[in-house]
Protein backbone atom coordinates (compact mmCIF):
# COMPACT_ATOMS: atom_id res chain seq x y z
CA UNK A 1 41.41 43.61 132.60
CA UNK A 2 39.76 44.69 129.94
CA UNK A 3 37.44 45.86 133.13
CA UNK A 4 39.77 47.89 135.36
CA UNK A 5 40.38 49.70 132.08
CA UNK A 6 36.76 50.48 131.72
CA UNK A 7 35.98 51.42 135.53
CA UNK A 8 39.70 53.24 135.69
CA UNK A 9 38.30 55.45 132.55
CA UNK A 10 35.21 56.29 134.22
CA UNK A 11 36.64 56.55 137.25
CA UNK A 12 38.78 59.63 135.91
CA UNK A 13 35.92 60.84 133.85
CA UNK A 14 34.00 61.45 136.13
CA UNK A 15 36.79 63.56 137.84
CA UNK A 16 37.42 65.18 135.44
CA UNK A 17 34.02 67.30 134.45
CA UNK A 18 32.14 69.60 136.42
CA UNK A 19 29.09 68.46 138.52
CA UNK A 20 26.34 71.05 137.22
CA UNK A 21 26.05 72.40 140.45
CA UNK A 22 29.91 73.41 141.09
CA UNK A 23 30.05 75.36 137.10
CA UNK A 24 26.74 77.54 138.44
CA UNK A 25 28.45 78.21 141.31
CA UNK A 26 31.32 78.62 139.51
CA UNK A 27 28.85 81.52 137.11
CA UNK A 28 27.13 83.48 139.86
CA UNK A 29 31.05 84.48 142.05
CA UNK A 30 32.62 85.52 138.02
CA UNK A 31 28.76 87.28 138.21
CA UNK A 32 30.07 88.41 141.05
CA UNK A 33 33.23 89.33 140.83
CA UNK A 34 31.61 91.57 137.39
CA UNK A 35 29.12 93.49 139.86
CA UNK A 36 30.79 94.58 142.33
CA UNK A 37 34.02 95.25 139.95
CA UNK A 38 30.80 97.94 139.04
CA UNK A 39 29.79 98.63 142.47
CA UNK A 40 33.69 100.42 142.31
CA UNK A 41 33.77 102.01 139.29
CA UNK A 42 30.58 103.64 140.55
CA UNK A 43 32.00 104.26 143.57
CA UNK A 44 34.96 106.19 142.01
CA UNK A 45 33.04 108.07 139.26
CA UNK A 46 35.21 105.58 137.11
CA UNK A 47 33.16 106.20 133.69
CA UNK A 48 35.52 103.74 131.06
CA UNK A 49 34.91 100.58 133.13
CA UNK A 50 32.03 101.18 133.86
CA UNK A 51 31.01 101.81 129.83
CA UNK A 52 33.14 98.33 129.28
CA UNK A 53 30.98 96.53 131.49
CA UNK A 54 27.89 97.54 129.60
CA UNK A 55 26.36 95.51 126.74
CA UNK A 56 28.26 95.68 123.83
CA UNK A 57 24.82 95.27 121.41
CA UNK A 58 23.66 98.67 122.85
CA UNK A 59 27.04 100.95 123.89
CA UNK A 60 27.35 102.57 121.73
CA UNK A 61 24.35 103.90 122.35
CA UNK A 62 25.48 105.50 125.25
CA UNK A 63 28.33 106.55 123.82
CA UNK A 64 26.87 110.18 124.40
CA UNK A 65 25.88 110.25 128.49
CA UNK A 66 28.84 108.53 128.96
CA UNK A 67 30.77 111.02 127.11
CA UNK A 68 28.79 113.66 129.55
CA UNK A 69 29.31 112.31 133.05
CA UNK A 70 33.18 112.53 132.09
CA UNK A 71 32.63 115.81 131.51
CA UNK A 72 30.21 117.23 134.11
CA UNK A 73 30.73 117.34 137.94
CA UNK A 74 29.32 114.80 140.30
CA UNK A 75 26.25 115.35 141.52
CA UNK A 76 26.03 112.41 143.86
CA UNK A 77 28.84 109.95 145.72
CA UNK A 78 28.14 106.50 146.60
CA UNK A 79 29.12 106.16 149.67
CA UNK A 80 28.08 102.32 149.80
CA UNK A 81 27.18 99.42 147.23
CA UNK A 82 26.80 95.99 148.34
CA UNK A 83 24.61 93.33 146.48
CA UNK A 84 21.78 92.06 147.63
CA UNK A 85 20.92 89.39 145.54
CA UNK A 86 21.56 87.56 142.33
CA UNK A 87 19.71 85.34 140.52
CA UNK A 88 20.41 83.39 136.97
CA UNK A 89 18.25 82.57 134.92
CA UNK A 90 20.69 81.14 132.00
CA UNK A 91 22.04 84.33 130.40
CA UNK A 92 20.10 86.39 131.82
CA UNK A 93 20.40 87.93 136.00
CA UNK A 94 19.00 90.11 137.58
CA UNK A 95 21.09 91.28 140.41
CA UNK A 96 19.54 93.87 142.93
CA UNK A 97 22.82 96.25 144.77
CA UNK A 98 22.04 99.09 147.41
CA UNK A 99 23.56 101.84 146.93
CA UNK A 100 24.01 104.96 149.96
CA UNK A 101 23.99 107.83 148.02
CA UNK A 102 25.99 111.43 149.25
CA UNK A 103 24.19 114.42 146.43
CA UNK A 104 26.64 117.12 146.01
CA UNK A 105 23.94 118.88 143.64
CA UNK A 106 23.25 122.97 145.79
CA UNK A 107 19.61 122.06 146.00
CA UNK A 108 20.51 118.65 147.82
CA UNK A 109 22.61 119.37 150.11
CA UNK A 110 20.70 119.64 153.30
CA UNK A 111 19.33 116.05 152.47
CA UNK A 112 21.52 112.64 154.90
CA UNK A 113 22.76 110.30 152.45
CA UNK A 114 19.60 108.11 151.01
CA UNK A 115 19.61 104.35 150.80
CA UNK A 116 18.43 103.53 147.27
CA UNK A 117 17.45 99.91 145.87
CA UNK A 118 18.88 98.44 142.49
CA UNK A 119 17.53 96.19 139.85
CA UNK A 120 19.74 95.79 137.25
CA UNK A 121 19.56 93.48 133.82
CA UNK A 122 23.12 91.77 133.07
CA UNK A 123 23.52 89.07 130.44
CA UNK A 124 26.44 86.86 129.62
CA UNK A 125 27.37 86.61 126.37
CA UNK A 126 30.64 85.16 124.95
CA UNK A 127 30.98 83.57 128.17
CA UNK A 128 30.90 87.34 129.66
CA UNK A 129 28.95 89.20 132.44
CA UNK A 130 27.95 92.26 130.97
CA UNK A 131 25.32 95.09 132.43
CA UNK A 132 21.66 96.22 130.37
CA UNK A 133 21.79 99.34 130.89
CA UNK A 134 19.20 102.19 130.43
CA UNK A 135 18.95 105.69 131.15
CA UNK A 136 18.86 107.47 134.34
CA UNK A 137 15.58 109.04 135.03
CA UNK A 138 16.29 111.91 136.58
CA UNK A 139 12.31 113.24 136.65
CA UNK A 140 11.67 110.35 138.99
CA UNK A 141 14.45 111.23 141.38
CA UNK A 142 13.17 114.94 141.77
CA UNK A 143 9.51 113.77 141.71
CA UNK A 144 11.44 112.02 144.63
CA UNK A 145 12.47 114.80 146.14
CA UNK A 146 10.52 117.31 145.24
CA UNK A 147 7.68 119.41 146.81
CA UNK A 148 4.66 118.80 145.65
CA UNK A 149 2.10 121.98 144.67
CA UNK A 150 -0.11 120.73 146.79
CA UNK A 151 1.59 120.30 149.39
CA UNK A 152 2.74 123.87 150.20
CA UNK A 153 -0.12 125.21 150.22
């Protein structure tokens, strides 16, 4: 009788616990859902949603940046945002997304939609994944499209 009870307890315990592989898949799915939400918010210029996805430890540093984005006219339209790769390591993840962007700035209207690969860092805090955002580097963007002085000669 005792052996049967022990066997039943072991069977019930093994059925109720998640296996490490299932847990990792669940965590990747949770992160994927957050990244999908971020992609949709990018396409819709939903700065409040994007701001809510930013790591709470650094979010306040970007308040002025997000306020400016909410007030300014759109400089670019994200036509597509697709996840290419997600790699997690503990509480951190690196996510690669492919963006197709059309610029609405008059300087770039003649350009066809441009393809970009973005690599973002995410961090898990209290069970939720948050984006670790960096200030955009507009100089690098303009350098990519502007004709260099030596090329004009």
